[in-house]
Amino acid sequence: MDERPRILMVLLAAGAARRFGGGKLDASVAGRPLGAWAASALQQLPATGRLIVVPPAAPAFVADLAGWDLAVNPAAERGIGGSIAVAARHAATHGFDRMVIALADMPLVPSEHLIALADGDAIAFTRYPDGRPGVPAAFPARCFAALSQLSAGGAAQHDWGEEIELVESPEPEALCDVDVSADLAPVECLLLERMRRTSP
């Protein structure tokens, strides 16, 4: 009998991208849509399920993803909390033991960091350089009910009443995200440099 925990990998892709001017996750970066980079990192991890949370008008790159469930956040404009709530309800309904959350506008997060978050039973957030907790993050099933009630704010602001594990990113640049169009060029340079380092 397989007693390994059932882990759900979640990609949040429902942001409005107002500062970017719309269409952010479909913008081309190093030869691929921005959102496809984060999806690829999650795709490399062993998991029982994969879920992408999108707005009612889903980004085009989602159509090329295979093996993912799709969930719509009907009130995506209210913020990340609603998308986390959608994912938590899916995780609870389908009997997952743990949920790992990543953002589609963070293309540099390595699979190794996501694996570290997935391991164990603690609530785990990424530790940012200023010490604050943030995403990517992971939650055990005991948190799903509370997460399903989130609306606008993120999970880091919730009082969990237990010790939180903070996981350092192995690479400082891994936590770069894309907020405005000017962010694309430096992120692309980092992606291309990573590809050069890892190519045979």
N, C-alpha and C. Protein backbone atom coordinates (compact mmCIF):
# COMPACT_ATOMS: atom_id res chain seq x y z
N MET A 1 0.83 -1.19 0.00
CA MET A 1 0.00 0.00 0.00
C MET A 1 0.88 1.26 0.00
N ASP A 2 0.59 2.20 -0.87
CA ASP A 2 1.37 3.42 -0.97
C ASP A 2 0.94 4.41 0.10
N GLU A 3 1.87 4.71 1.04
CA GLU A 3 1.54 5.62 2.13
C GLU A 3 2.22 6.97 1.96
N ARG A 4 2.77 7.24 0.80
CA ARG A 4 3.37 8.55 0.56
C ARG A 4 2.30 9.63 0.56
N PRO A 5 2.63 10.82 1.06
CA PRO A 5 1.62 11.90 1.09
C PRO A 5 1.18 12.29 -0.31
N ARG A 6 -0.08 12.63 -0.41
CA ARG A 6 -0.64 13.09 -1.68
C ARG A 6 -0.42 14.60 -1.77
N ILE A 7 0.45 15.01 -2.68
CA ILE A 7 0.86 16.41 -2.78
C ILE A 7 0.27 17.05 -4.03
N LEU A 8 -0.34 18.20 -3.83
CA LEU A 8 -0.89 18.99 -4.93
C LEU A 8 0.02 20.17 -5.21
N MET A 9 0.49 20.27 -6.45
CA MET A 9 1.27 21.42 -6.89
C MET A 9 0.33 22.43 -7.52
N VAL A 10 0.36 23.66 -7.03
CA VAL A 10 -0.58 24.70 -7.46
C VAL A 10 0.18 25.85 -8.10
N LEU A 11 -0.27 26.27 -9.27
CA LEU A 11 0.26 27.45 -9.92
C LEU A 11 -0.83 28.51 -9.96
N LEU A 12 -0.59 29.64 -9.32
CA LEU A 12 -1.55 30.74 -9.31
C LEU A 12 -1.30 31.64 -10.52
N ALA A 13 -2.29 31.72 -11.39
CA ALA A 13 -2.14 32.46 -12.65
C ALA A 13 -3.36 33.32 -12.92
N ALA A 14 -3.94 33.88 -11.84
CA ALA A 14 -5.19 34.62 -11.98
C ALA A 14 -5.04 36.11 -11.73
N GLY A 15 -3.81 36.60 -11.63
CA GLY A 15 -3.61 38.03 -11.37
C GLY A 15 -4.06 38.90 -12.52
N ALA A 16 -4.47 40.10 -12.20
CA ALA A 16 -4.98 41.02 -13.23
C ALA A 16 -3.87 41.66 -14.05
N ALA A 17 -2.64 41.70 -13.54
CA ALA A 17 -1.48 42.29 -14.24
C ALA A 17 -1.75 43.73 -14.68
N ARG A 18 -2.37 44.51 -13.80
CA ARG A 18 -2.70 45.90 -14.16
C ARG A 18 -1.45 46.73 -14.40
N ARG A 19 -0.43 46.56 -13.55
CA ARG A 19 0.79 47.36 -13.72
C ARG A 19 1.53 46.99 -15.01
N PHE A 20 1.34 45.76 -15.44
CA PHE A 20 2.00 45.31 -16.67
C PHE A 20 1.26 45.81 -17.91
N GLY A 21 -0.04 46.03 -17.74
CA GLY A 21 -0.87 46.44 -18.88
C GLY A 21 -1.66 45.30 -19.48
N GLY A 22 -1.73 44.16 -18.76
CA GLY A 22 -2.48 43.00 -19.24
C GLY A 22 -1.62 42.06 -20.07
N GLY A 23 -2.04 40.80 -20.12
CA GLY A 23 -1.35 39.82 -20.94
C GLY A 23 0.02 39.43 -20.44
N LYS A 24 0.31 39.63 -19.17
CA LYS A 24 1.66 39.41 -18.65
C LYS A 24 2.13 37.97 -18.81
N LEU A 25 1.31 37.01 -18.44
CA LEU A 25 1.76 35.63 -18.41
C LEU A 25 1.96 35.03 -19.80
N ASP A 26 1.44 35.69 -20.83
CA ASP A 26 1.66 35.24 -22.20
C ASP A 26 2.80 35.99 -22.88
N ALA A 27 3.40 36.96 -22.19
CA ALA A 27 4.52 37.70 -22.77
C ALA A 27 5.71 36.76 -22.99
N SER A 28 6.39 36.91 -24.10
CA SER A 28 7.50 36.03 -24.44
C SER A 28 8.75 36.41 -23.65
N VAL A 29 9.34 35.40 -23.00
CA VAL A 29 10.58 35.58 -22.23
C VAL A 29 11.49 34.39 -22.55
N ALA A 30 12.65 34.68 -23.10
CA ALA A 30 13.61 33.62 -23.44
C ALA A 30 12.96 32.51 -24.26
N GLY A 31 12.09 32.91 -25.18
CA GLY A 31 11.51 31.96 -26.12
C GLY A 31 10.27 31.23 -25.67
N ARG A 32 9.75 31.56 -24.48
CA ARG A 32 8.54 30.90 -23.97
C ARG A 32 7.65 31.93 -23.31
N PRO A 33 6.34 31.63 -23.19
CA PRO A 33 5.49 32.53 -22.41
C PRO A 33 5.97 32.58 -20.96
N LEU A 34 5.87 33.73 -20.36
CA LEU A 34 6.32 33.90 -18.97
C LEU A 34 5.76 32.82 -18.05
N GLY A 35 4.46 32.60 -18.12
CA GLY A 35 3.83 31.64 -17.22
C GLY A 35 4.30 30.21 -17.41
N ALA A 36 4.80 29.88 -18.59
CA ALA A 36 5.24 28.51 -18.87
C ALA A 36 6.49 28.14 -18.08
N TRP A 37 7.32 29.12 -17.71
CA TRP A 37 8.53 28.82 -16.96
C TRP A 37 8.20 28.27 -15.57
N ALA A 38 7.31 28.93 -14.86
CA ALA A 38 6.93 28.45 -13.53
C ALA A 38 6.21 27.12 -13.62
N ALA A 39 5.38 26.96 -14.63
CA ALA A 39 4.68 25.68 -14.82
C ALA A 39 5.67 24.55 -15.04
N SER A 40 6.72 24.82 -15.80
CA SER A 40 7.73 23.80 -16.08
C SER A 40 8.45 23.37 -14.81
N ALA A 41 8.75 24.32 -13.92
CA ALA A 41 9.42 23.98 -12.66
C ALA A 41 8.55 23.05 -11.83
N LEU A 42 7.26 23.33 -11.77
CA LEU A 42 6.33 22.47 -11.02
C LEU A 42 6.15 21.12 -11.71
N GLN A 43 6.19 21.12 -13.03
CA GLN A 43 5.98 19.89 -13.80
C GLN A 43 7.09 18.87 -13.50
N GLN A 44 8.26 19.33 -13.13
CA GLN A 44 9.39 18.44 -12.89
C GLN A 44 9.33 17.74 -11.55
N LEU A 45 8.43 18.18 -10.67
CA LEU A 45 8.35 17.61 -9.34
C LEU A 45 7.42 16.40 -9.30
N PRO A 46 7.80 15.38 -8.51
CA PRO A 46 6.86 14.28 -8.30
C PRO A 46 5.67 14.78 -7.49
N ALA A 47 4.49 14.56 -7.98
CA ALA A 47 3.28 15.05 -7.30
C ALA A 47 2.11 14.17 -7.66
N THR A 48 1.12 14.15 -6.78
CA THR A 48 -0.10 13.39 -7.06
C THR A 48 -1.03 14.16 -7.97
N GLY A 49 -0.98 15.50 -7.89
CA GLY A 49 -1.85 16.32 -8.72
C GLY A 49 -1.24 17.68 -8.99
N ARG A 50 -1.70 18.30 -10.07
CA ARG A 50 -1.26 19.65 -10.44
C ARG A 50 -2.49 20.47 -10.79
N LEU A 51 -2.53 21.69 -10.27
CA LEU A 51 -3.67 22.57 -10.45
C LEU A 51 -3.19 23.95 -10.84
N ILE A 52 -3.84 24.55 -11.83
CA ILE A 52 -3.56 25.94 -12.17
C ILE A 52 -4.84 26.74 -11.96
N VAL A 53 -4.72 27.84 -11.21
CA VAL A 53 -5.85 28.71 -10.91
C VAL A 53 -5.78 29.92 -11.83
N VAL A 54 -6.86 30.15 -12.58
CA VAL A 54 -6.88 31.19 -13.60
C VAL A 54 -8.08 32.10 -13.42
N PRO A 55 -8.06 33.26 -14.06
CA PRO A 55 -9.26 34.12 -14.06
C PRO A 55 -10.26 33.58 -15.08
N PRO A 56 -11.46 34.15 -15.14
CA PRO A 56 -12.44 33.67 -16.13
C PRO A 56 -11.91 33.67 -17.56
N ALA A 57 -11.08 34.64 -17.92
CA ALA A 57 -10.42 34.65 -19.23
C ALA A 57 -8.99 34.16 -19.01
N ALA A 58 -8.77 32.87 -19.18
CA ALA A 58 -7.49 32.26 -18.84
C ALA A 58 -6.39 32.71 -19.79
N PRO A 59 -5.14 32.81 -19.31
CA PRO A 59 -4.02 33.11 -20.20
C PRO A 59 -3.88 32.04 -21.27
N ALA A 60 -3.40 32.43 -22.41
CA ALA A 60 -3.31 31.50 -23.55
C ALA A 60 -2.33 30.36 -23.29
N PHE A 61 -1.27 30.61 -22.52
CA PHE A 61 -0.26 29.56 -22.33
C PHE A 61 -0.82 28.32 -21.65
N VAL A 62 -1.92 28.47 -20.94
CA VAL A 62 -2.52 27.36 -20.21
C VAL A 62 -2.97 26.26 -21.16
N ALA A 63 -3.34 26.62 -22.37
CA ALA A 63 -3.83 25.63 -23.33
C ALA A 63 -2.77 24.60 -23.70
N ASP A 64 -1.50 24.94 -23.51
CA ASP A 64 -0.41 24.03 -23.88
C ASP A 64 0.05 23.16 -22.72
N LEU A 65 -0.56 23.30 -21.54
CA LEU A 65 -0.16 22.49 -20.39
C LEU A 65 -0.90 21.16 -20.41
N ALA A 66 -0.16 20.09 -20.23
CA ALA A 66 -0.77 18.75 -20.18
C ALA A 66 -0.67 18.20 -18.76
N GLY A 67 -1.72 17.51 -18.33
CA GLY A 67 -1.71 16.87 -17.02
C GLY A 67 -2.04 17.78 -15.86
N TRP A 68 -2.65 18.92 -16.15
CA TRP A 68 -3.04 19.87 -15.11
C TRP A 68 -4.56 19.95 -15.01
N ASP A 69 -5.05 20.06 -13.77
CA ASP A 69 -6.44 20.44 -13.56
C ASP A 69 -6.54 21.96 -13.60
N LEU A 70 -7.70 22.45 -13.96
CA LEU A 70 -7.92 23.88 -14.10
C LEU A 70 -9.02 24.31 -13.14
N ALA A 71 -8.79 25.40 -12.41
CA ALA A 71 -9.82 25.96 -11.53
C ALA A 71 -9.89 27.46 -11.78
N VAL A 72 -11.10 27.97 -11.83
CA VAL A 72 -11.31 29.39 -12.11
C VAL A 72 -11.59 30.14 -10.82
N ASN A 73 -10.88 31.25 -10.65
CA ASN A 73 -11.19 32.18 -9.56
C ASN A 73 -12.11 33.25 -10.14
N PRO A 74 -13.39 33.21 -9.84
CA PRO A 74 -14.34 34.15 -10.46
C PRO A 74 -14.17 35.58 -9.99
N ALA A 75 -13.44 35.79 -8.88
CA ALA A 75 -13.23 37.14 -8.36
C ALA A 75 -11.73 37.41 -8.27
N ALA A 76 -11.02 37.11 -9.34
CA ALA A 76 -9.56 37.22 -9.35
C ALA A 76 -9.08 38.64 -9.06
N GLU A 77 -9.90 39.63 -9.39
CA GLU A 77 -9.49 41.02 -9.20
C GLU A 77 -9.35 41.39 -7.72
N ARG A 78 -9.86 40.55 -6.83
CA ARG A 78 -9.80 40.86 -5.39
C ARG A 78 -8.46 40.52 -4.76
N GLY A 79 -7.60 39.79 -5.46
CA GLY A 79 -6.28 39.52 -4.93
C GLY A 79 -5.97 38.04 -4.78
N ILE A 80 -4.75 37.79 -4.31
CA ILE A 80 -4.22 36.43 -4.25
C ILE A 80 -4.99 35.52 -3.30
N GLY A 81 -5.56 36.09 -2.24
CA GLY A 81 -6.25 35.27 -1.25
C GLY A 81 -7.35 34.43 -1.85
N GLY A 82 -8.11 35.01 -2.76
CA GLY A 82 -9.19 34.26 -3.39
C GLY A 82 -8.69 33.09 -4.21
N SER A 83 -7.55 33.26 -4.87
CA SER A 83 -6.98 32.16 -5.66
C SER A 83 -6.47 31.04 -4.76
N ILE A 84 -5.86 31.43 -3.63
CA ILE A 84 -5.42 30.41 -2.67
C ILE A 84 -6.63 29.65 -2.12
N ALA A 85 -7.71 30.38 -1.86
CA ALA A 85 -8.93 29.73 -1.36
C ALA A 85 -9.47 28.72 -2.36
N VAL A 86 -9.48 29.07 -3.64
CA VAL A 86 -9.93 28.15 -4.69
C VAL A 86 -9.08 26.88 -4.68
N ALA A 87 -7.76 27.06 -4.58
CA ALA A 87 -6.85 25.92 -4.57
C ALA A 87 -7.05 25.06 -3.33
N ALA A 88 -7.26 25.69 -2.18
CA ALA A 88 -7.44 24.93 -0.93
C ALA A 88 -8.71 24.10 -0.97
N ARG A 89 -9.76 24.66 -1.52
CA ARG A 89 -11.00 23.89 -1.64
C ARG A 89 -10.81 22.68 -2.55
N HIS A 90 -10.08 22.87 -3.63
CA HIS A 90 -9.78 21.76 -4.54
C HIS A 90 -8.96 20.69 -3.80
N ALA A 91 -7.94 21.14 -3.06
CA ALA A 91 -7.09 20.20 -2.34
C ALA A 91 -7.88 19.40 -1.31
N ALA A 92 -8.77 20.06 -0.59
CA ALA A 92 -9.57 19.38 0.43
C ALA A 92 -10.55 18.41 -0.21
N THR A 93 -11.20 18.84 -1.26
CA THR A 93 -12.21 18.00 -1.93
C THR A 93 -11.58 16.72 -2.49
N HIS A 94 -10.35 16.83 -2.96
CA HIS A 94 -9.71 15.68 -3.61
C HIS A 94 -8.76 14.92 -2.68
N GLY A 95 -8.79 15.23 -1.41
CA GLY A 95 -8.08 14.42 -0.42
C GLY A 95 -6.57 14.53 -0.42
N PHE A 96 -6.04 15.70 -0.77
CA PHE A 96 -4.60 15.87 -0.74
C PHE A 96 -4.11 16.09 0.69
N ASP A 97 -2.87 15.68 0.95
CA ASP A 97 -2.26 15.83 2.27
C ASP A 97 -1.47 17.13 2.40
N ARG A 98 -1.04 17.67 1.27
CA ARG A 98 -0.19 18.86 1.29
C ARG A 98 -0.36 19.60 -0.03
N MET A 99 -0.19 20.91 0.04
CA MET A 99 -0.36 21.75 -1.15
C MET A 99 0.82 22.71 -1.23
N VAL A 100 1.47 22.75 -2.38
CA VAL A 100 2.58 23.67 -2.64
C VAL A 100 2.09 24.73 -3.62
N ILE A 101 2.27 26.00 -3.27
CA ILE A 101 1.77 27.11 -4.08
C ILE A 101 2.93 27.89 -4.67
N ALA A 102 2.86 28.13 -5.98
CA ALA A 102 3.84 28.96 -6.68
C ALA A 102 3.09 29.98 -7.52
N LEU A 103 3.79 31.05 -7.90
CA LEU A 103 3.20 32.11 -8.70
C LEU A 103 3.69 32.04 -10.14
N ALA A 104 2.79 32.25 -11.07
CA ALA A 104 3.14 32.12 -12.48
C ALA A 104 4.02 33.25 -12.99
N ASP A 105 4.13 34.35 -12.24
CA ASP A 105 4.99 35.45 -12.69
C ASP A 105 6.36 35.41 -12.02
N MET A 106 6.73 34.25 -11.44
CA MET A 106 8.06 34.05 -10.86
C MET A 106 8.76 32.93 -11.63
N PRO A 107 9.39 33.24 -12.75
CA PRO A 107 9.92 32.20 -13.64
C PRO A 107 11.24 31.60 -13.21
N LEU A 108 11.87 32.13 -12.17
CA LEU A 108 13.22 31.70 -11.82
C LEU A 108 13.28 30.77 -10.61
N VAL A 109 12.15 30.45 -10.01
CA VAL A 109 12.15 29.57 -8.84
C VAL A 109 12.55 28.16 -9.28
N PRO A 110 13.65 27.62 -8.73
CA PRO A 110 14.08 26.28 -9.17
C PRO A 110 13.25 25.17 -8.55
N SER A 111 13.21 24.05 -9.22
CA SER A 111 12.46 22.90 -8.71
C SER A 111 12.97 22.46 -7.35
N GLU A 112 14.27 22.62 -7.10
CA GLU A 112 14.86 22.21 -5.82
C GLU A 112 14.22 22.95 -4.65
N HIS A 113 13.92 24.22 -4.85
CA HIS A 113 13.30 24.99 -3.77
C HIS A 113 11.87 24.50 -3.52
N LEU A 114 11.16 24.19 -4.57
CA LEU A 114 9.80 23.69 -4.43
C LEU A 114 9.78 22.32 -3.75
N ILE A 115 10.78 21.50 -4.05
CA ILE A 115 10.89 20.19 -3.40
C ILE A 115 11.11 20.37 -1.90
N ALA A 116 11.95 21.33 -1.53
CA ALA A 116 12.21 21.59 -0.11
C ALA A 116 10.94 22.02 0.62
N LEU A 117 10.11 22.83 -0.05
CA LEU A 117 8.84 23.25 0.55
C LEU A 117 7.86 22.08 0.67
N ALA A 118 7.89 21.19 -0.31
CA ALA A 118 6.94 20.07 -0.32
C ALA A 118 7.23 19.06 0.77
N ASP A 119 8.47 18.99 1.22
CA ASP A 119 8.88 17.97 2.18
C ASP A 119 8.36 18.29 3.58
N GLY A 120 7.95 17.26 4.29
CA GLY A 120 7.55 17.41 5.69
C GLY A 120 6.08 17.76 5.87
N ASP A 121 5.74 18.13 7.11
CA ASP A 121 4.35 18.40 7.47
C ASP A 121 4.15 19.80 8.03
N ALA A 122 5.18 20.62 8.04
CA ALA A 122 5.07 21.97 8.60
C ALA A 122 4.46 22.93 7.58
N ILE A 123 3.90 24.03 8.09
CA ILE A 123 3.59 25.17 7.23
C ILE A 123 4.92 25.79 6.83
N ALA A 124 5.15 25.94 5.54
CA ALA A 124 6.45 26.41 5.07
C ALA A 124 6.28 27.57 4.10
N PHE A 125 6.98 28.66 4.38
CA PHE A 125 7.02 29.80 3.48
C PHE A 125 8.45 30.00 3.00
N THR A 126 8.59 30.64 1.86
CA THR A 126 9.91 31.08 1.41
C THR A 126 10.35 32.27 2.25
N ARG A 127 11.60 32.24 2.66
CA ARG A 127 12.16 33.38 3.39
C ARG A 127 12.77 34.36 2.39
N TYR A 128 12.27 35.58 2.38
CA TYR A 128 12.78 36.61 1.49
C TYR A 128 13.99 37.29 2.13
N PRO A 129 14.81 37.99 1.34
CA PRO A 129 16.04 38.59 1.87
C PRO A 129 15.82 39.50 3.08
N ASP A 130 14.65 40.15 3.16
CA ASP A 130 14.38 41.02 4.31
C ASP A 130 13.81 40.27 5.50
N GLY A 131 13.73 38.95 5.40
CA GLY A 131 13.28 38.12 6.50
C GLY A 131 11.80 37.79 6.50
N ARG A 132 11.02 38.43 5.65
CA ARG A 132 9.58 38.19 5.66
C ARG A 132 9.25 36.87 4.96
N PRO A 133 8.13 36.23 5.37
CA PRO A 133 7.70 35.01 4.69
C PRO A 133 6.88 35.35 3.44
N GLY A 134 6.94 34.49 2.46
CA GLY A 134 6.16 34.72 1.24
C GLY A 134 6.07 33.47 0.40
N VAL A 135 5.55 33.62 -0.79
CA VAL A 135 5.42 32.51 -1.72
C VAL A 135 6.68 32.40 -2.57
N PRO A 136 6.97 31.19 -3.03
CA PRO A 136 6.24 29.94 -2.89
C PRO A 136 6.11 29.49 -1.43
N ALA A 137 5.06 28.71 -1.17
CA ALA A 137 4.76 28.25 0.17
C ALA A 137 4.08 26.89 0.10
N ALA A 138 4.01 26.23 1.26
CA ALA A 138 3.38 24.91 1.30
C ALA A 138 2.59 24.76 2.60
N PHE A 139 1.49 24.01 2.50
CA PHE A 139 0.57 23.87 3.64
C PHE A 139 0.08 22.44 3.76
N PRO A 140 0.03 21.92 5.00
CA PRO A 140 -0.57 20.61 5.23
C PRO A 140 -2.09 20.71 5.21
N ALA A 141 -2.73 19.55 5.15
CA ALA A 141 -4.19 19.51 5.01
C ALA A 141 -4.92 20.19 6.16
N ARG A 142 -4.31 20.23 7.34
CA ARG A 142 -4.98 20.87 8.48
C ARG A 142 -5.21 22.37 8.25
N CYS A 143 -4.53 22.94 7.27
CA CYS A 143 -4.68 24.37 6.98
C CYS A 143 -5.71 24.66 5.89
N PHE A 144 -6.19 23.64 5.22
CA PHE A 144 -7.02 23.88 4.04
C PHE A 144 -8.31 24.62 4.38
N ALA A 145 -8.92 24.30 5.52
CA ALA A 145 -10.18 24.96 5.88
C ALA A 145 -9.97 26.46 6.07
N ALA A 146 -8.89 26.84 6.76
CA ALA A 146 -8.60 28.26 6.97
C ALA A 146 -8.25 28.94 5.64
N LEU A 147 -7.46 28.26 4.82
CA LEU A 147 -7.07 28.84 3.53
C LEU A 147 -8.28 29.06 2.63
N SER A 148 -9.25 28.19 2.73
CA SER A 148 -10.43 28.29 1.87
C SER A 148 -11.29 29.50 2.20
N GLN A 149 -11.01 30.15 3.34
CA GLN A 149 -11.76 31.34 3.73
C GLN A 149 -11.05 32.64 3.39
N LEU A 150 -9.86 32.56 2.82
CA LEU A 150 -9.14 33.78 2.45
C LEU A 150 -9.89 34.53 1.37
N SER A 151 -9.73 35.83 1.38
CA SER A 151 -10.37 36.63 0.33
C SER A 151 -9.33 37.47 -0.39
N ALA A 152 -8.96 38.61 0.17
CA ALA A 152 -8.02 39.50 -0.52
C ALA A 152 -6.57 39.22 -0.14
N GLY A 153 -6.29 39.12 1.18
CA GLY A 153 -4.91 39.01 1.64
C GLY A 153 -4.32 37.63 1.41
N GLY A 154 -3.00 37.56 1.55
CA GLY A 154 -2.31 36.30 1.38
C GLY A 154 -2.26 35.49 2.66
N ALA A 155 -1.71 34.27 2.55
CA ALA A 155 -1.67 33.35 3.68
C ALA A 155 -0.62 33.74 4.72
N ALA A 156 0.38 34.51 4.33
CA ALA A 156 1.44 34.87 5.27
C ALA A 156 0.92 35.77 6.38
N GLN A 157 -0.17 36.48 6.15
CA GLN A 157 -0.71 37.39 7.16
C GLN A 157 -1.61 36.69 8.17
N HIS A 158 -1.93 35.44 7.92
CA HIS A 158 -2.83 34.70 8.81
C HIS A 158 -2.09 34.27 10.08
N ASP A 159 -2.78 34.30 11.21
CA ASP A 159 -2.21 33.81 12.46
C ASP A 159 -2.45 32.31 12.54
N TRP A 160 -1.40 31.53 12.26
CA TRP A 160 -1.56 30.09 12.16
C TRP A 160 -1.52 29.39 13.51
N GLY A 161 -1.02 30.05 14.53
CA GLY A 161 -1.01 29.43 15.85
C GLY A 161 -0.05 28.27 15.99
N GLU A 162 0.93 28.19 15.12
CA GLU A 162 1.94 27.15 15.22
C GLU A 162 3.23 27.67 14.58
N GLU A 163 4.30 26.96 14.82
CA GLU A 163 5.60 27.39 14.29
C GLU A 163 5.60 27.30 12.78
N ILE A 164 6.15 28.31 12.14
CA ILE A 164 6.23 28.37 10.68
C ILE A 164 7.67 28.09 10.26
N GLU A 165 7.84 27.24 9.28
CA GLU A 165 9.16 26.98 8.73
C GLU A 165 9.44 27.96 7.59
N LEU A 166 10.60 28.60 7.65
CA LEU A 166 11.02 29.51 6.58
C LEU A 166 12.15 28.85 5.81
N VAL A 167 11.96 28.72 4.51
CA VAL A 167 12.92 28.01 3.65
C VAL A 167 13.66 29.02 2.78
N GLU A 168 14.97 29.04 2.90
CA GLU A 168 15.78 29.95 2.10
C GLU A 168 15.81 29.49 0.64
N SER A 169 15.77 30.45 -0.26
CA SER A 169 15.94 30.14 -1.67
C SER A 169 17.42 29.87 -1.95
N PRO A 170 17.73 28.86 -2.77
CA PRO A 170 19.14 28.55 -3.04
C PRO A 170 19.83 29.61 -3.89
N GLU A 171 19.07 30.42 -4.60
CA GLU A 171 19.64 31.46 -5.45
C GLU A 171 18.93 32.77 -5.18
N PRO A 172 19.65 33.85 -4.87
CA PRO A 172 19.00 35.13 -4.56
C PRO A 172 18.08 35.61 -5.68
N GLU A 173 18.50 35.41 -6.93
CA GLU A 173 17.68 35.91 -8.05
C GLU A 173 16.43 35.08 -8.29
N ALA A 174 16.32 33.93 -7.62
CA ALA A 174 15.18 33.04 -7.86
C ALA A 174 13.86 33.67 -7.49
N LEU A 175 13.89 34.67 -6.60
CA LEU A 175 12.65 35.27 -6.12
C LEU A 175 12.24 36.50 -6.93
N CYS A 176 12.92 36.74 -8.03
CA CYS A 176 12.51 37.84 -8.92
C CYS A 176 11.14 37.53 -9.52
N ASP A 177 10.29 38.55 -9.56
CA ASP A 177 9.02 38.37 -10.25
C ASP A 177 8.89 39.47 -11.30
N VAL A 178 7.88 39.33 -12.12
CA VAL A 178 7.63 40.30 -13.19
C VAL A 178 6.37 41.08 -12.84
N ASP A 179 6.53 42.37 -12.57
CA ASP A 179 5.39 43.23 -12.26
C ASP A 179 5.07 44.16 -13.42
N VAL A 180 6.11 44.72 -14.04
CA VAL A 180 5.93 45.67 -15.14
C VAL A 180 6.76 45.18 -16.33
N SER A 181 6.48 45.73 -17.50
CA SER A 181 7.15 45.25 -18.71
C SER A 181 8.67 45.42 -18.64
N ALA A 182 9.13 46.43 -17.91
CA ALA A 182 10.58 46.65 -17.78
C ALA A 182 11.28 45.52 -17.04
N ASP A 183 10.53 44.69 -16.31
CA ASP A 183 11.12 43.56 -15.59
C ASP A 183 11.48 42.42 -16.53
N LEU A 184 10.92 42.39 -17.73
CA LEU A 184 11.12 41.25 -18.61
C LEU A 184 12.57 41.08 -19.04
N ALA A 185 13.23 42.18 -19.42
CA ALA A 185 14.60 42.08 -19.94
C ALA A 185 15.58 41.51 -18.93
N PRO A 186 15.63 42.02 -17.68
CA PRO A 186 16.57 41.42 -16.72
C PRO A 186 16.24 39.97 -16.37
N VAL A 187 14.96 39.65 -16.30
CA VAL A 187 14.58 38.27 -16.02
C VAL A 187 14.99 37.37 -17.18
N GLU A 188 14.83 37.84 -18.39
CA GLU A 188 15.24 37.05 -19.55
C GLU A 188 16.75 36.80 -19.52
N CYS A 189 17.53 37.81 -19.16
CA CYS A 189 18.98 37.62 -19.06
C CYS A 189 19.33 36.54 -18.04
N LEU A 190 18.64 36.55 -16.91
CA LEU A 190 18.89 35.54 -15.89
C LEU A 190 18.51 34.14 -16.36
N LEU A 191 17.39 34.04 -17.06
CA LEU A 191 16.96 32.74 -17.60
C LEU A 191 17.96 32.22 -18.63
N LEU A 192 18.41 33.08 -19.52
CA LEU A 192 19.36 32.66 -20.55
C LEU A 192 20.68 32.24 -19.93
N GLU A 193 21.12 32.97 -18.90
CA GLU A 193 22.35 32.60 -18.21
C GLU A 193 22.21 31.25 -17.53
N ARG A 194 21.08 31.01 -16.90
CA ARG A 194 20.83 29.71 -16.27
C ARG A 194 20.85 28.60 -17.32
N MET A 195 20.23 28.84 -18.48
CA MET A 195 20.22 27.84 -19.53
C MET A 195 21.62 27.54 -20.02
N ARG A 196 22.45 28.56 -20.10
CA ARG A 196 23.84 28.34 -20.54
C ARG A 196 24.61 27.50 -19.52
N ARG A 197 24.36 27.75 -18.23
CA ARG A 197 25.06 27.02 -17.18
C ARG A 197 24.68 25.55 -17.14
N THR A 198 23.43 25.26 -17.44
CA THR A 198 22.92 23.89 -17.29
C THR A 198 22.93 23.09 -18.58
N SER A 199 23.21 23.73 -19.70
CA SER A 199 23.23 22.99 -20.97
C SER A 199 24.48 22.11 -21.04
N PRO A 200 24.37 20.92 -21.64
CA PRO A 200 25.51 20.00 -21.71
C PRO A 200 26.62 20.52 -22.61
